[in-house]
Amino acid sequence: MYILIVSFIIPITLIILSIYLSYKAKSKISKHSGFRTKLSMKDEKSWYKAQKLASKYSFYGGIIAIILTLVFINVGDINEKNLLILTFIQLFILISVSLITQINLKKH
């Protein structure tokens, strides 16, 4: 049961983050929270776009991570080694959200 709970921490965090960033897009630029990079904090328009993009990508990343976790649990034997592999895949998704958001901000 413990491994099952641990394996869903990152996917659920991504979905909660997507809800928070969607809310954050409606507020002014914050020095303390939100998707904060030099580019996203350049002006209000960039801030809004960054929060919306990060929210969207976090949600999709969370859904993908949940699906992968469910497949991983149903197909394989969940042990420490497999949980570590799954966690690295989930972390890759988490990092990808930031990178893809930043790349899309540079395009606009």
C-alpha atoms as a PDB file:
ATOM      1  CA  MET A   1       0.000   0.000   0.000  1.00  0.00           C
ATOM      2  CA  TYR A   2       2.855   2.385   0.848  1.00  0.00           C
ATOM      3  CA  ILE A   3       4.435   1.934  -2.588  1.00  0.00           C
ATOM      4  CA  LEU A   4       1.089   2.571  -4.252  1.00  0.00           C
ATOM      5  CA  ILE A   5       0.684   5.872  -2.392  1.00  0.00           C
ATOM      6  CA  VAL A   6       4.266   6.952  -3.098  1.00  0.00           C
ATOM      7  CA  SER A   7       3.956   6.170  -6.802  1.00  0.00           C
ATOM      8  CA  PHE A   8       1.093   8.672  -7.164  1.00  0.00           C
ATOM      9  CA  ILE A   9       2.713  11.623  -5.342  1.00  0.00           C
ATOM     10  CA  ILE A  10       4.276  13.277  -8.418  1.00  0.00           C
ATOM     11  CA  PRO A  11       1.280  12.790 -10.763  1.00  0.00           C
ATOM     12  CA  ILE A  12      -1.161  14.191  -8.210  1.00  0.00           C
ATOM     13  CA  THR A  13       1.221  17.061  -7.462  1.00  0.00           C
ATOM     14  CA  LEU A  14       1.301  17.925 -11.173  1.00  0.00           C
ATOM     15  CA  ILE A  15      -2.488  18.081 -11.342  1.00  0.00           C
ATOM     16  CA  ILE A  16      -2.722  20.203  -8.177  1.00  0.00           C
ATOM     17  CA  LEU A  17      -0.004  22.454  -9.615  1.00  0.00           C
ATOM     18  CA  SER A  18      -2.014  22.873 -12.812  1.00  0.00           C
ATOM     19  CA  ILE A  19      -5.029  24.078 -10.818  1.00  0.00           C
ATOM     20  CA  TYR A  20      -2.879  26.480  -8.804  1.00  0.00           C
ATOM     21  CA  LEU A  21      -1.133  27.906 -11.879  1.00  0.00           C
ATOM     22  CA  SER A  22      -4.462  28.408 -13.606  1.00  0.00           C
ATOM     23  CA  TYR A  23      -5.561  30.465 -10.604  1.00  0.00           C
ATOM     24  CA  LYS A  24      -2.189  32.252 -10.485  1.00  0.00           C
ATOM     25  CA  ALA A  25      -2.546  33.433 -14.093  1.00  0.00           C
ATOM     26  CA  LYS A  26      -5.329  35.773 -12.993  1.00  0.00           C
ATOM     27  CA  SER A  27      -3.114  37.546 -10.472  1.00  0.00           C
ATOM     28  CA  LYS A  28      -0.318  40.056 -10.814  1.00  0.00           C
ATOM     29  CA  ILE A  29       3.326  39.025 -11.191  1.00  0.00           C
ATOM     30  CA  SER A  30       4.494  37.387  -7.980  1.00  0.00           C
ATOM     31  CA  LYS A  31       8.038  37.243  -6.646  1.00  0.00           C
ATOM     32  CA  HIS A  32       7.137  34.266  -4.471  1.00  0.00           C
ATOM     33  CA  SER A  33       5.049  31.777  -6.436  1.00  0.00           C
ATOM     34  CA  GLY A  34       3.960  30.711  -9.886  1.00  0.00           C
ATOM     35  CA  PHE A  35       6.006  29.774 -12.949  1.00  0.00           C
ATOM     36  CA  ARG A  36       8.791  32.291 -12.344  1.00  0.00           C
ATOM     37  CA  THR A  37      11.574  32.849 -14.844  1.00  0.00           C
ATOM     38  CA  LYS A  38      13.092  36.057 -16.194  1.00  0.00           C
ATOM     39  CA  LEU A  39      11.055  35.632 -19.339  1.00  0.00           C
ATOM     40  CA  SER A  40       7.764  34.942 -17.560  1.00  0.00           C
ATOM     41  CA  MET A  41       8.226  37.934 -15.244  1.00  0.00           C
ATOM     42  CA  LYS A  42       9.112  40.339 -18.054  1.00  0.00           C
ATOM     43  CA  ASP A  43       5.604  41.832 -18.222  1.00  0.00           C
ATOM     44  CA  GLU A  44       1.982  41.060 -17.361  1.00  0.00           C
ATOM     45  CA  LYS A  45       1.273  39.466 -20.751  1.00  0.00           C
ATOM     46  CA  SER A  46       4.242  37.091 -20.430  1.00  0.00           C
ATOM     47  CA  TRP A  47       3.238  36.265 -16.850  1.00  0.00           C
ATOM     48  CA  TYR A  48      -0.311  35.387 -17.890  1.00  0.00           C
ATOM     49  CA  LYS A  49       0.874  33.286 -20.837  1.00  0.00           C
ATOM     50  CA  ALA A  50       3.479  31.450 -18.723  1.00  0.00           C
ATOM     51  CA  GLN A  51       0.977  30.549 -15.997  1.00  0.00           C
ATOM     52  CA  LYS A  52      -1.577  29.334 -18.542  1.00  0.00           C
ATOM     53  CA  LEU A  53       0.991  27.262 -20.463  1.00  0.00           C
ATOM     54  CA  ALA A  54       2.509  25.779 -17.302  1.00  0.00           C
ATOM     55  CA  SER A  55      -0.984  24.971 -16.038  1.00  0.00           C
ATOM     56  CA  LYS A  56      -1.938  23.213 -19.262  1.00  0.00           C
ATOM     57  CA  TYR A  57       1.312  21.239 -19.515  1.00  0.00           C
ATOM     58  CA  SER A  58       1.210  20.307 -15.814  1.00  0.00           C
ATOM     59  CA  PHE A  59      -2.293  18.923 -16.205  1.00  0.00           C
ATOM     60  CA  TYR A  60      -1.399  16.871 -19.286  1.00  0.00           C
ATOM     61  CA  GLY A  61       1.850  15.739 -17.658  1.00  0.00           C
ATOM     62  CA  GLY A  62      -0.075  14.664 -14.549  1.00  0.00           C
ATOM     63  CA  ILE A  63      -2.565  12.657 -16.611  1.00  0.00           C
ATOM     64  CA  ILE A  64       0.253  10.984 -18.560  1.00  0.00           C
ATOM     65  CA  ALA A  65       2.092  10.219 -15.309  1.00  0.00           C
ATOM     66  CA  ILE A  66      -1.060   8.704 -13.762  1.00  0.00           C
ATOM     67  CA  ILE A  67      -1.626   6.511 -16.822  1.00  0.00           C
ATOM     68  CA  LEU A  68       2.019   5.378 -16.804  1.00  0.00           C
ATOM     69  CA  THR A  69       1.807   4.651 -13.084  1.00  0.00           C
ATOM     70  CA  LEU A  70      -1.361   2.586 -13.508  1.00  0.00           C
ATOM     71  CA  VAL A  71       0.212   0.646 -16.389  1.00  0.00           C
ATOM     72  CA  PHE A  72       3.390   0.145 -14.374  1.00  0.00           C
ATOM     73  CA  ILE A  73       1.427  -1.142 -11.374  1.00  0.00           C
ATOM     74  CA  ASN A  74      -0.799  -3.475 -13.413  1.00  0.00           C
ATOM     75  CA  VAL A  75       1.916  -4.884 -15.678  1.00  0.00           C
ATOM     76  CA  GLY A  76       4.927  -5.250 -13.452  1.00  0.00           C
ATOM     77  CA  ASP A  77       5.928  -6.301 -10.021  1.00  0.00           C
ATOM     78  CA  ILE A  78       6.198  -3.150  -7.921  1.00  0.00           C
ATOM     79  CA  ASN A  79       9.405  -3.327  -5.960  1.00  0.00           C
ATOM     80  CA  GLU A  80      11.971  -0.693  -4.986  1.00  0.00           C
ATOM     81  CA  LYS A  81      13.836  -0.926  -8.300  1.00  0.00           C
ATOM     82  CA  ASN A  82      10.689  -0.523 -10.400  1.00  0.00           C
ATOM     83  CA  LEU A  83       9.459   2.286  -8.155  1.00  0.00           C
ATOM     84  CA  LEU A  84      12.774   4.089  -8.685  1.00  0.00           C
ATOM     85  CA  ILE A  85      12.448   3.727 -12.472  1.00  0.00           C
ATOM     86  CA  LEU A  86       8.865   4.997 -12.324  1.00  0.00           C
ATOM     87  CA  THR A  87       9.922   7.947 -10.171  1.00  0.00           C
ATOM     88  CA  PHE A  88      12.641   8.931 -12.666  1.00  0.00           C
ATOM     89  CA  ILE A  89      10.090   8.807 -15.505  1.00  0.00           C
ATOM     90  CA  GLN A  90       7.733  10.993 -13.475  1.00  0.00           C
ATOM     91  CA  LEU A  91      10.538  13.444 -12.669  1.00  0.00           C
ATOM     92  CA  PHE A  92      11.369  13.622 -16.373  1.00  0.00           C
ATOM     93  CA  ILE A  93       7.751  14.589 -17.047  1.00  0.00           C
ATOM     94  CA  LEU A  94       7.898  17.204 -14.275  1.00  0.00           C
ATOM     95  CA  ILE A  95      11.089  18.761 -15.669  1.00  0.00           C
ATOM     96  CA  SER A  96       9.708  18.603 -19.213  1.00  0.00           C
ATOM     97  CA  VAL A  97       6.760  20.769 -18.169  1.00  0.00           C
ATOM     98  CA  SER A  98       9.155  23.582 -17.229  1.00  0.00           C
ATOM     99  CA  LEU A  99      11.303  23.200 -20.316  1.00  0.00           C
ATOM    100  CA  ILE A 100       8.381  23.076 -22.751  1.00  0.00           C
ATOM    101  CA  THR A 101       6.754  26.092 -21.095  1.00  0.00           C
ATOM    102  CA  GLN A 102       9.990  28.085 -21.319  1.00  0.00           C
ATOM    103  CA  ILE A 103      10.531  27.111 -24.967  1.00  0.00           C
ATOM    104  CA  ASN A 104       6.990  28.182 -25.859  1.00  0.00           C
ATOM    105  CA  LEU A 105       7.461  31.491 -24.046  1.00  0.00           C
ATOM    106  CA  LYS A 106      10.560  32.203 -26.131  1.00  0.00           C
ATOM    107  CA  LYS A 107       8.561  31.636 -29.330  1.00  0.00           C
ATOM    108  CA  HIS A 108       6.106  34.396 -28.412  1.00  0.00           C
END
